[in-house]
C-alpha atoms as a PDB file:
ATOM      1  CA  MET A   1     226.277 241.093 170.214  1.00  0.00           C
ATOM      2  CA  LYS A   2     226.209 237.300 170.130  1.00  0.00           C
ATOM      3  CA  PHE A   3     223.235 237.429 167.771  1.00  0.00           C
ATOM      4  CA  PHE A   4     225.176 239.419 165.164  1.00  0.00           C
ATOM      5  CA  LYS A   5     228.156 237.108 165.495  1.00  0.00           C
ATOM      6  CA  ASN A   6     225.908 234.113 164.816  1.00  0.00           C
ATOM      7  CA  VAL A   7     224.294 235.886 161.861  1.00  0.00           C
ATOM      8  CA  TYR A   8     227.731 236.621 160.413  1.00  0.00           C
ATOM      9  CA  GLN A   9     228.755 232.970 160.793  1.00  0.00           C
ATOM     10  CA  GLU A  10     225.595 231.766 159.076  1.00  0.00           C
ATOM     11  CA  MET A  11     226.008 234.244 156.232  1.00  0.00           C
ATOM     12  CA  LYS A  12     229.464 232.857 155.557  1.00  0.00           C
ATOM     13  CA  LYS A  13     227.871 229.422 154.994  1.00  0.00           C
ATOM     14  CA  VAL A  14     225.432 230.701 152.350  1.00  0.00           C
ATOM     15  CA  LYS A  15     226.258 229.757 148.771  1.00  0.00           C
ATOM     16  CA  TRP A  16     225.373 232.821 146.738  1.00  0.00           C
ATOM     17  CA  PRO A  17     224.366 232.386 143.080  1.00  0.00           C
ATOM     18  CA  ASP A  18     226.792 233.516 140.435  1.00  0.00           C
ATOM     19  CA  ARG A  19     226.118 236.088 137.729  1.00  0.00           C
ATOM     20  CA  LYS A  20     225.080 233.492 135.118  1.00  0.00           C
ATOM     21  CA  TYR A  21     222.220 232.148 137.233  1.00  0.00           C
ATOM     22  CA  MET A  22     221.135 235.583 138.410  1.00  0.00           C
ATOM     23  CA  VAL A  23     220.802 236.819 134.825  1.00  0.00           C
ATOM     24  CA  LYS A  24     219.054 233.620 133.736  1.00  0.00           C
ATOM     25  CA  TYR A  25     216.455 233.681 136.508  1.00  0.00           C
ATOM     26  CA  SER A  26     215.989 237.443 136.332  1.00  0.00           C
ATOM     27  CA  ILE A  27     215.136 237.181 132.639  1.00  0.00           C
ATOM     28  CA  ALA A  28     212.772 234.277 133.342  1.00  0.00           C
ATOM     29  CA  THR A  29     211.035 236.233 136.108  1.00  0.00           C
ATOM     30  CA  LEU A  30     210.641 239.368 134.004  1.00  0.00           C
ATOM     31  CA  SER A  31     209.337 237.291 131.082  1.00  0.00           C
ATOM     32  CA  VAL A  32     206.643 235.718 133.250  1.00  0.00           C
ATOM     33  CA  ILE A  33     205.650 239.110 134.673  1.00  0.00           C
ATOM     34  CA  ILE A  34     205.389 240.651 131.203  1.00  0.00           C
ATOM     35  CA  PHE A  35     203.464 237.664 129.826  1.00  0.00           C
ATOM     36  CA  PHE A  36     200.865 237.687 132.602  1.00  0.00           C
ATOM     37  CA  SER A  37     200.581 241.483 132.507  1.00  0.00           C
ATOM     38  CA  LEU A  38     199.742 241.323 128.803  1.00  0.00           C
ATOM     39  CA  TYR A  39     197.429 238.336 129.351  1.00  0.00           C
ATOM     40  CA  PHE A  40     195.376 240.121 132.010  1.00  0.00           C
ATOM     41  CA  PHE A  41     195.373 243.338 129.975  1.00  0.00           C
ATOM     42  CA  VAL A  42     193.876 241.500 127.000  1.00  0.00           C
ATOM     43  CA  ILE A  43     191.317 239.754 129.232  1.00  0.00           C
ATOM     44  CA  GLU A  44     190.374 243.145 130.696  1.00  0.00           C
ATOM     45  CA  LEU A  45     189.942 244.599 127.194  1.00  0.00           C
ATOM     46  CA  ILE A  46     187.724 241.695 126.173  1.00  0.00           C
ATOM     47  CA  MET A  47     185.601 241.997 129.310  1.00  0.00           C
ATOM     48  CA  SER A  48     185.266 245.751 128.803  1.00  0.00           C
ATOM     49  CA  ALA A  49     184.191 245.234 125.192  1.00  0.00           C
ATOM     50  CA  LEU A  50     181.608 242.659 126.260  1.00  0.00           C
ATOM     51  CA  LYS A  51     180.273 244.943 128.976  1.00  0.00           C
ATOM     52  CA  VAL A  52     179.914 247.861 126.545  1.00  0.00           C
ATOM     53  CA  GLY A  53     178.223 245.587 124.022  1.00  0.00           C
ATOM     54  CA  VAL A  54     175.591 244.488 126.573  1.00  0.00           C
ATOM     55  CA  ARG A  55     174.299 248.019 127.186  1.00  0.00           C
END
C-alpha cells in the first residue's frame, strides 16, 4: 500500500502539459510520421521500378 501512496505523491508533482502544447506537438508528430511514410513509399516505388527495369 505504501508503494501506491508514494506513486500518488509523485504524480501530484508532475507538471502536465496544457492543451496548447499537446495540440502543437501532436500535429508535429503526425506531420513527421506522414512525411516519412510518403518518403519511404516513394523510395519503395523507385526501387520497384528499377528492379522491374533490370529484368
